[in-house]
């Protein structure tokens, strides 16, 4: 059985000590949207398996209790084989 390749894209933004995290939260949301937009716009030219299909627009895995606190989104992509060839 052939399984489709999976790709994982992570977006990280640290929250500097003393910062409220408001600017960082806005920044990571903008980055998540832009990465998802790029993936969707170029899904048939990102890798040798095409098209690439995002499973979602990003799953939050924020690590707020670490030092430094870190905001992180993970976007999982699945490569599919082109059956039109």
PDB file of N, CA and C in Angstrom:
ATOM      1  N   UNK A   1       0.836  -1.170   0.000  1.00  0.00           N
ATOM      2  CA  UNK A   1       0.000   0.000   0.000  1.00  0.00           C
ATOM      3  C   UNK A   1       0.891   1.247   0.000  1.00  0.00           C
ATOM      4  N   UNK A   2       0.607   2.176  -0.881  1.00  0.00           N
ATOM      5  CA  UNK A   2       1.384   3.402  -1.006  1.00  0.00           C
ATOM      6  C   UNK A   2       0.753   4.486  -0.139  1.00  0.00           C
ATOM      7  N   UNK A   3       1.565   5.112   0.714  1.00  0.00           N
ATOM      8  CA  UNK A   3       1.024   6.203   1.520  1.00  0.00           C
ATOM      9  C   UNK A   3       1.511   7.532   0.954  1.00  0.00           C
ATOM     10  N   UNK A   4       0.670   8.512   1.066  1.00  0.00           N
ATOM     11  CA  UNK A   4       1.013   9.837   0.561  1.00  0.00           C
ATOM     12  C   UNK A   4       2.008  10.514   1.509  1.00  0.00           C
ATOM     13  N   UNK A   5       2.952  11.278   0.945  1.00  0.00           N
ATOM     14  CA  UNK A   5       3.919  11.962   1.805  1.00  0.00           C
ATOM     15  C   UNK A   5       3.242  13.068   2.607  1.00  0.00           C
ATOM     16  N   UNK A   6       3.777  13.336   3.780  1.00  0.00           N
ATOM     17  CA  UNK A   6       3.265  14.392   4.642  1.00  0.00           C
ATOM     18  C   UNK A   6       4.389  15.394   4.872  1.00  0.00           C
ATOM     19  N   UNK A   7       4.017  16.629   4.884  1.00  0.00           N
ATOM     20  CA  UNK A   7       4.948  17.716   5.146  1.00  0.00           C
ATOM     21  C   UNK A   7       4.388  18.524   6.306  1.00  0.00           C
ATOM     22  N   UNK A   8       5.261  19.003   7.165  1.00  0.00           N
ATOM     23  CA  UNK A   8       4.816  19.802   8.306  1.00  0.00           C
ATOM     24  C   UNK A   8       5.542  21.144   8.264  1.00  0.00           C
ATOM     25  N   UNK A   9       4.766  22.216   8.321  1.00  0.00           N
ATOM     26  CA  UNK A   9       5.295  23.570   8.350  1.00  0.00           C
ATOM     27  C   UNK A   9       5.014  24.135   9.737  1.00  0.00           C
ATOM     28  N   UNK A  10       6.044  24.641  10.394  1.00  0.00           N
ATOM     29  CA  UNK A  10       5.886  25.263  11.707  1.00  0.00           C
ATOM     30  C   UNK A  10       6.178  26.746  11.607  1.00  0.00           C
ATOM     31  N   UNK A  11       5.380  27.542  12.299  1.00  0.00           N
ATOM     32  CA  UNK A  11       5.550  28.980  12.359  1.00  0.00           C
ATOM     33  C   UNK A  11       5.754  29.323  13.836  1.00  0.00           C
ATOM     34  N   UNK A  12       6.873  29.934  14.146  1.00  0.00           N
ATOM     35  CA  UNK A  12       7.231  30.247  15.532  1.00  0.00           C
ATOM     36  C   UNK A  12       7.364  31.753  15.716  1.00  0.00           C
ATOM     37  N   UNK A  13       6.856  32.261  16.824  1.00  0.00           N
ATOM     38  CA  UNK A  13       7.075  33.655  17.211  1.00  0.00           C
ATOM     39  C   UNK A  13       7.305  33.684  18.720  1.00  0.00           C
ATOM     40  N   UNK A  14       8.494  34.128  19.158  1.00  0.00           N
ATOM     41  CA  UNK A  14       8.741  34.220  20.603  1.00  0.00           C
ATOM     42  C   UNK A  14       8.081  35.470  21.183  1.00  0.00           C
ATOM     43  N   UNK A  15       7.664  35.363  22.427  1.00  0.00           N
ATOM     44  CA  UNK A  15       7.177  36.528  23.163  1.00  0.00           C
ATOM     45  C   UNK A  15       8.310  36.939  24.091  1.00  0.00           C
ATOM     46  N   UNK A  16       8.882  38.089  23.845  1.00  0.00           N
ATOM     47  CA  UNK A  16      10.015  38.544  24.633  1.00  0.00           C
ATOM     48  C   UNK A  16       9.599  38.823  26.077  1.00  0.00           C
ATOM     49  N   UNK A  17      10.512  38.625  26.979  1.00  0.00           N
ATOM     50  CA  UNK A  17      10.227  38.833  28.393  1.00  0.00           C
ATOM     51  C   UNK A  17       9.735  40.261  28.625  1.00  0.00           C
ATOM     52  N   UNK A  18       8.665  40.389  29.358  1.00  0.00           N
ATOM     53  CA  UNK A  18       8.087  41.693  29.651  1.00  0.00           C
ATOM     54  C   UNK A  18       7.048  42.148  28.646  1.00  0.00           C
ATOM     55  N   UNK A  19       6.958  41.475  27.499  1.00  0.00           N
ATOM     56  CA  UNK A  19       5.962  41.854  26.487  1.00  0.00           C
ATOM     57  C   UNK A  19       4.609  41.248  26.849  1.00  0.00           C
ATOM     58  N   UNK A  20       3.539  41.902  26.413  1.00  0.00           N
ATOM     59  CA  UNK A  20       2.192  41.408  26.735  1.00  0.00           C
ATOM     60  C   UNK A  20       1.785  40.239  25.839  1.00  0.00           C
ATOM     61  N   UNK A  21       2.423  40.122  24.680  1.00  0.00           N
ATOM     62  CA  UNK A  21       2.072  39.057  23.748  1.00  0.00           C
ATOM     63  C   UNK A  21       1.035  39.463  22.720  1.00  0.00           C
ATOM     64  N   UNK A  22       0.468  40.663  22.860  1.00  0.00           N
ATOM     65  CA  UNK A  22      -0.572  41.117  21.933  1.00  0.00           C
ATOM     66  C   UNK A  22      -0.026  41.285  20.518  1.00  0.00           C
ATOM     67  N   UNK A  23       1.121  41.951  20.399  1.00  0.00           N
ATOM     68  CA  UNK A  23       1.736  42.171  19.080  1.00  0.00           C
ATOM     69  C   UNK A  23       2.138  40.832  18.481  1.00  0.00           C
ATOM     70  N   UNK A  24       2.711  39.960  19.300  1.00  0.00           N
ATOM     71  CA  UNK A  24       3.167  38.655  18.823  1.00  0.00           C
ATOM     72  C   UNK A  24       1.990  37.794  18.362  1.00  0.00           C
ATOM     73  N   UNK A  25       0.870  37.855  19.076  1.00  0.00           N
ATOM     74  CA  UNK A  25      -0.318  37.091  18.683  1.00  0.00           C
ATOM     75  C   UNK A  25      -0.841  37.567  17.337  1.00  0.00           C
ATOM     76  N   UNK A  26      -0.840  38.862  17.124  1.00  0.00           N
ATOM     77  CA  UNK A  26      -1.273  39.408  15.840  1.00  0.00           C
ATOM     78  C   UNK A  26      -0.306  39.003  14.731  1.00  0.00           C
ATOM     79  N   UNK A  27       0.996  39.064  15.030  1.00  0.00           N
ATOM     80  CA  UNK A  27       2.023  38.694  14.049  1.00  0.00           C
ATOM     81  C   UNK A  27       1.904  37.231  13.639  1.00  0.00           C
ATOM     82  N   UNK A  28       1.733  36.329  14.603  1.00  0.00           N
ATOM     83  CA  UNK A  28       1.673  34.909  14.236  1.00  0.00           C
ATOM     84  C   UNK A  28       0.402  34.595  13.457  1.00  0.00           C
ATOM     85  N   UNK A  29      -0.693  35.283  13.766  1.00  0.00           N
ATOM     86  CA  UNK A  29      -1.922  35.071  12.985  1.00  0.00           C
ATOM     87  C   UNK A  29      -1.719  35.532  11.548  1.00  0.00           C
ATOM     88  N   UNK A  30      -1.070  36.680  11.365  1.00  0.00           N
ATOM     89  CA  UNK A  30      -0.774  37.165  10.009  1.00  0.00           C
ATOM     90  C   UNK A  30       0.137  36.182   9.271  1.00  0.00           C
ATOM     91  N   UNK A  31       1.146  35.669   9.970  1.00  0.00           N
ATOM     92  CA  UNK A  31       2.070  34.715   9.354  1.00  0.00           C
ATOM     93  C   UNK A  31       1.348  33.420   8.987  1.00  0.00           C
ATOM     94  N   UNK A  32       0.496  32.934   9.877  1.00  0.00           N
ATOM     95  CA  UNK A  32      -0.250  31.700   9.610  1.00  0.00           C
ATOM     96  C   UNK A  32      -1.122  31.861   8.367  1.00  0.00           C
ATOM     97  N   UNK A  33      -1.828  32.981   8.281  1.00  0.00           N
ATOM     98  CA  UNK A  33      -2.682  33.225   7.107  1.00  0.00           C
ATOM     99  C   UNK A  33      -1.859  33.312   5.828  1.00  0.00           C
ATOM    100  N   UNK A  34      -0.702  33.982   5.892  1.00  0.00           N
ATOM    101  CA  UNK A  34       0.131  34.130   4.701  1.00  0.00           C
ATOM    102  C   UNK A  34       0.724  32.795   4.258  1.00  0.00           C
ATOM    103  N   UNK A  35       1.206  31.996   5.196  1.00  0.00           N
ATOM    104  CA  UNK A  35       1.735  30.674   4.850  1.00  0.00           C
ATOM    105  C   UNK A  35       0.631  29.817   4.227  1.00  0.00           C
ATOM    106  N   UNK A  36      -0.557  29.804   4.822  1.00  0.00           N
ATOM    107  CA  UNK A  36      -1.674  29.031   4.264  1.00  0.00           C
ATOM    108  C   UNK A  36      -2.025  29.530   2.860  1.00  0.00           C
ATOM    109  N   UNK A  37      -2.013  30.846   2.652  1.00  0.00           N
ATOM    110  CA  UNK A  37      -2.320  31.413   1.330  1.00  0.00           C
ATOM    111  C   UNK A  37      -1.285  30.971   0.298  1.00  0.00           C
ATOM    112  N   UNK A  38      -0.005  31.010   0.668  1.00  0.00           N
ATOM    113  CA  UNK A  38       1.063  30.603  -0.255  1.00  0.00           C
ATOM    114  C   UNK A  38       0.931  29.122  -0.603  1.00  0.00           C
ATOM    115  N   UNK A  39       0.660  28.305   0.395  1.00  0.00           N
ATOM    116  CA  UNK A  39       0.515  26.862   0.158  1.00  0.00           C
ATOM    117  C   UNK A  39      -0.632  26.599  -0.803  1.00  0.00           C
ATOM    118  N   UNK A  40      -1.767  27.218  -0.553  1.00  0.00           N
ATOM    119  CA  UNK A  40      -2.940  26.983  -1.404  1.00  0.00           C
ATOM    120  C   UNK A  40      -2.699  27.512  -2.817  1.00  0.00           C
ATOM    121  N   UNK A  41      -2.059  28.678  -2.933  1.00  0.00           N
ATOM    122  CA  UNK A  41      -1.816  29.274  -4.252  1.00  0.00           C
ATOM    123  C   UNK A  41      -0.810  28.467  -5.071  1.00  0.00           C
ATOM    124  N   UNK A  42       0.135  27.796  -4.402  1.00  0.00           N
ATOM    125  CA  UNK A  42       1.202  27.083  -5.112  1.00  0.00           C
ATOM    126  C   UNK A  42       1.160  25.587  -4.882  1.00  0.00           C
ATOM    127  N   UNK A  43       0.012  25.069  -4.546  1.00  0.00           N
ATOM    128  CA  UNK A  43      -0.053  23.667  -4.129  1.00  0.00           C
ATOM    129  C   UNK A  43       0.345  22.665  -5.199  1.00  0.00           C
ATOM    130  N   UNK A  44       0.368  23.060  -6.472  1.00  0.00           N
ATOM    131  CA  UNK A  44       0.793  22.084  -7.472  1.00  0.00           C
ATOM    132  C   UNK A  44       2.243  22.274  -7.893  1.00  0.00           C
ATOM    133  N   UNK A  45       2.978  23.147  -7.219  1.00  0.00           N
ATOM    134  CA  UNK A  45       4.380  23.325  -7.590  1.00  0.00           C
ATOM    135  C   UNK A  45       5.323  23.337  -6.388  1.00  0.00           C
ATOM    136  N   UNK A  46       4.845  22.936  -5.209  1.00  0.00           N
ATOM    137  CA  UNK A  46       5.697  22.962  -4.017  1.00  0.00           C
ATOM    138  C   UNK A  46       6.640  21.774  -3.977  1.00  0.00           C
ATOM    139  N   UNK A  47       6.185  20.614  -4.376  1.00  0.00           N
ATOM    140  CA  UNK A  47       7.014  19.410  -4.268  1.00  0.00           C
ATOM    141  C   UNK A  47       6.743  18.505  -5.464  1.00  0.00           C
ATOM    142  N   UNK A  48       7.501  17.410  -5.534  1.00  0.00           N
ATOM    143  CA  UNK A  48       7.335  16.485  -6.652  1.00  0.00           C
ATOM    144  C   UNK A  48       5.994  15.754  -6.594  1.00  0.00           C
ATOM    145  N   UNK A  49       5.409  15.683  -5.409  1.00  0.00           N
ATOM    146  CA  UNK A  49       4.054  15.137  -5.301  1.00  0.00           C
ATOM    147  C   UNK A  49       3.110  16.313  -5.400  1.00  0.00           C
ATOM    148  N   UNK A  50       2.159  16.231  -6.307  1.00  0.00           N
ATOM    149  CA  UNK A  50       1.238  17.353  -6.402  1.00  0.00           C
ATOM    150  C   UNK A  50      -0.144  16.850  -6.727  1.00  0.00           C
ATOM    151  N   UNK A  51      -1.155  17.529  -6.350  1.00  0.00           N
ATOM    152  CA  UNK A  51      -1.046  18.764  -5.571  1.00  0.00           C
ATOM    153  C   UNK A  51      -0.777  18.477  -4.103  1.00  0.00           C
ATOM    154  N   UNK A  52      -0.351  19.513  -3.405  1.00  0.00           N
ATOM    155  CA  UNK A  52      -0.190  19.467  -1.953  1.00  0.00           C
ATOM    156  C   UNK A  52      -1.496  19.974  -1.363  1.00  0.00           C
ATOM    157  N   UNK A  53      -2.027  19.242  -0.421  1.00  0.00           N
ATOM    158  CA  UNK A  53      -3.309  19.611   0.172  1.00  0.00           C
ATOM    159  C   UNK A  53      -3.114  19.882   1.661  1.00  0.00           C
ATOM    160  N   UNK A  54      -3.429  21.099   2.127  1.00  0.00           N
ATOM    161  CA  UNK A  54      -3.329  21.350   3.565  1.00  0.00           C
ATOM    162  C   UNK A  54      -4.451  20.637   4.308  1.00  0.00           C
ATOM    163  N   UNK A  55      -4.128  19.997   5.429  1.00  0.00           N
ATOM    164  CA  UNK A  55      -5.159  19.346   6.237  1.00  0.00           C
ATOM    165  C   UNK A  55      -6.007  20.377   6.966  1.00  0.00           C
ATOM    166  N   UNK A  56      -5.405  21.525   7.270  1.00  0.00           N
ATOM    167  CA  UNK A  56      -6.123  22.595   7.951  1.00  0.00           C
ATOM    168  C   UNK A  56      -5.318  23.881   7.760  1.00  0.00           C
ATOM    169  N   UNK A  57      -5.772  24.960   8.356  1.00  0.00           N
ATOM    170  CA  UNK A  57      -5.055  26.230   8.223  1.00  0.00           C
ATOM    171  C   UNK A  57      -4.069  26.458   9.353  1.00  0.00           C
ATOM    172  N   UNK A  58      -3.850  25.455  10.168  1.00  0.00           N
ATOM    173  CA  UNK A  58      -2.881  25.567  11.248  1.00  0.00           C
ATOM    174  C   UNK A  58      -3.470  25.165  12.581  1.00  0.00           C
ATOM    175  N   UNK A  59      -2.721  24.353  13.298  1.00  0.00           N
ATOM    176  CA  UNK A  59      -3.120  23.919  14.632  1.00  0.00           C
ATOM    177  C   UNK A  59      -2.222  24.623  15.634  1.00  0.00           C
ATOM    178  N   UNK A  60      -2.796  25.315  16.624  1.00  0.00           N
ATOM    179  CA  UNK A  60      -1.946  26.005  17.593  1.00  0.00           C
ATOM    180  C   UNK A  60      -1.271  25.019  18.547  1.00  0.00           C
ATOM    181  N   UNK A  61      -0.006  25.245  18.784  1.00  0.00           N
ATOM    182  CA  UNK A  61       0.781  24.479  19.759  1.00  0.00           C
ATOM    183  C   UNK A  61       1.596  25.482  20.573  1.00  0.00           C
ATOM    184  N   UNK A  62       0.918  26.504  21.080  1.00  0.00           N
ATOM    185  CA  UNK A  62       1.606  27.572  21.804  1.00  0.00           C
ATOM    186  C   UNK A  62       2.248  27.027  23.073  1.00  0.00           C
ATOM    187  N   UNK A  63       3.440  27.493  23.348  1.00  0.00           N
ATOM    188  CA  UNK A  63       4.192  27.083  24.529  1.00  0.00           C
ATOM    189  C   UNK A  63       4.393  28.321  25.403  1.00  0.00           C
ATOM    190  N   UNK A  64       3.350  28.679  26.123  1.00  0.00           N
ATOM    191  CA  UNK A  64       3.346  29.945  26.856  1.00  0.00           C
ATOM    192  C   UNK A  64       4.108  29.862  28.176  1.00  0.00           C
ATOM    193  N   UNK A  65       4.296  28.661  28.698  1.00  0.00           N
ATOM    194  CA  UNK A  65       4.970  28.532  29.989  1.00  0.00           C
ATOM    195  C   UNK A  65       6.479  28.363  29.861  1.00  0.00           C
ATOM    196  N   UNK A  66       6.987  28.321  28.646  1.00  0.00           N
ATOM    197  CA  UNK A  66       8.432  28.168  28.456  1.00  0.00           C
ATOM    198  C   UNK A  66       9.155  29.500  28.583  1.00  0.00           C
ATOM    199  N   UNK A  67      10.482  29.446  28.486  1.00  0.00           N
ATOM    200  CA  UNK A  67      11.276  30.664  28.500  1.00  0.00           C
ATOM    201  C   UNK A  67      12.157  30.666  27.262  1.00  0.00           C
ATOM    202  N   UNK A  68      11.949  31.515  26.305  1.00  0.00           N
ATOM    203  CA  UNK A  68      10.859  32.486  26.265  1.00  0.00           C
ATOM    204  C   UNK A  68       9.544  31.800  25.908  1.00  0.00           C
ATOM    205  N   UNK A  69       8.461  32.480  26.202  1.00  0.00           N
ATOM    206  CA  UNK A  69       7.150  31.978  25.772  1.00  0.00           C
ATOM    207  C   UNK A  69       7.148  31.972  24.252  1.00  0.00           C
ATOM    208  N   UNK A  70       6.500  30.974  23.664  1.00  0.00           N
ATOM    209  CA  UNK A  70       6.553  30.805  22.220  1.00  0.00           C
ATOM    210  C   UNK A  70       5.150  30.552  21.672  1.00  0.00           C
ATOM    211  N   UNK A  71       4.808  31.295  20.636  1.00  0.00           N
ATOM    212  CA  UNK A  71       3.574  31.015  19.900  1.00  0.00           C
ATOM    213  C   UNK A  71       3.976  30.168  18.700  1.00  0.00           C
ATOM    214  N   UNK A  72       3.235  29.104  18.444  1.00  0.00           N
ATOM    215  CA  UNK A  72       3.595  28.212  17.331  1.00  0.00           C
ATOM    216  C   UNK A  72       2.343  27.643  16.696  1.00  0.00           C
ATOM    217  N   UNK A  73       2.314  27.668  15.376  1.00  0.00           N
ATOM    218  CA  UNK A  73       1.288  26.986  14.596  1.00  0.00           C
ATOM    219  C   UNK A  73       1.965  25.910  13.772  1.00  0.00           C
ATOM    220  N   UNK A  74       1.281  24.809  13.614  1.00  0.00           N
ATOM    221  CA  UNK A  74       1.768  23.713  12.789  1.00  0.00           C
ATOM    222  C   UNK A  74       0.738  23.463  11.694  1.00  0.00           C
ATOM    223  N   UNK A  75       1.192  23.488  10.458  1.00  0.00           N
ATOM    224  CA  UNK A  75       0.322  23.220   9.309  1.00  0.00           C
ATOM    225  C   UNK A  75       0.803  21.923   8.674  1.00  0.00           C
ATOM    226  N   UNK A  76      -0.074  20.937   8.595  1.00  0.00           N
ATOM    227  CA  UNK A  76       0.275  19.652   7.991  1.00  0.00           C
ATOM    228  C   UNK A  76      -0.251  19.623   6.563  1.00  0.00           C
ATOM    229  N   UNK A  77       0.622  19.229   5.650  1.00  0.00           N
ATOM    230  CA  UNK A  77       0.280  19.126   4.226  1.00  0.00           C
ATOM    231  C   UNK A  77       0.386  17.674   3.807  1.00  0.00           C
ATOM    232  N   UNK A  78      -0.461  17.271   2.888  1.00  0.00           N
ATOM    233  CA  UNK A  78      -0.428  15.917   2.355  1.00  0.00           C
ATOM    234  C   UNK A  78      -0.181  16.014   0.857  1.00  0.00           C
ATOM    235  N   UNK A  79       0.823  15.268   0.384  1.00  0.00           N
ATOM    236  CA  UNK A  79       1.087  15.222  -1.042  1.00  0.00           C
ATOM    237  C   UNK A  79       0.220  14.148  -1.689  1.00  0.00           C
ATOM    238  N   UNK A  80      -0.353  14.479  -2.806  1.00  0.00           N
ATOM    239  CA  UNK A  80      -1.162  13.505  -3.534  1.00  0.00           C
ATOM    240  C   UNK A  80      -0.531  13.287  -4.901  1.00  0.00           C
ATOM    241  N   UNK A  81      -0.817  12.176  -5.499  1.00  0.00           N
ATOM    242  CA  UNK A  81      -0.266  11.908  -6.816  1.00  0.00           C
ATOM    243  C   UNK A  81      -1.229  12.394  -7.882  1.00  0.00           C
ATOM    244  N   UNK A  82      -0.649  12.987  -8.916  1.00  0.00           N
ATOM    245  CA  UNK A  82      -1.442  13.493 -10.026  1.00  0.00           C
ATOM    246  C   UNK A  82      -1.908  12.324 -10.872  1.00  0.00           C
ATOM    247  N   UNK A  83      -3.192  12.078 -10.882  1.00  0.00           N
ATOM    248  CA  UNK A  83      -3.739  10.942 -11.634  1.00  0.00           C
ATOM    249  C   UNK A  83      -4.167  11.336 -13.039  1.00  0.00           C
ATOM    250  N   UNK A  84      -3.929  12.594 -13.412  1.00  0.00           N
ATOM    251  CA  UNK A  84      -4.330  13.021 -14.753  1.00  0.00           C
ATOM    252  C   UNK A  84      -3.273  12.705 -15.805  1.00  0.00           C
ATOM    253  N   UNK A  85      -2.062  12.369 -15.363  1.00  0.00           N
ATOM    254  CA  UNK A  85      -0.968  12.111 -16.317  1.00  0.00           C
ATOM    255  C   UNK A  85      -1.070  10.726 -16.915  1.00  0.00           C
TER     256      UNK A  85
END
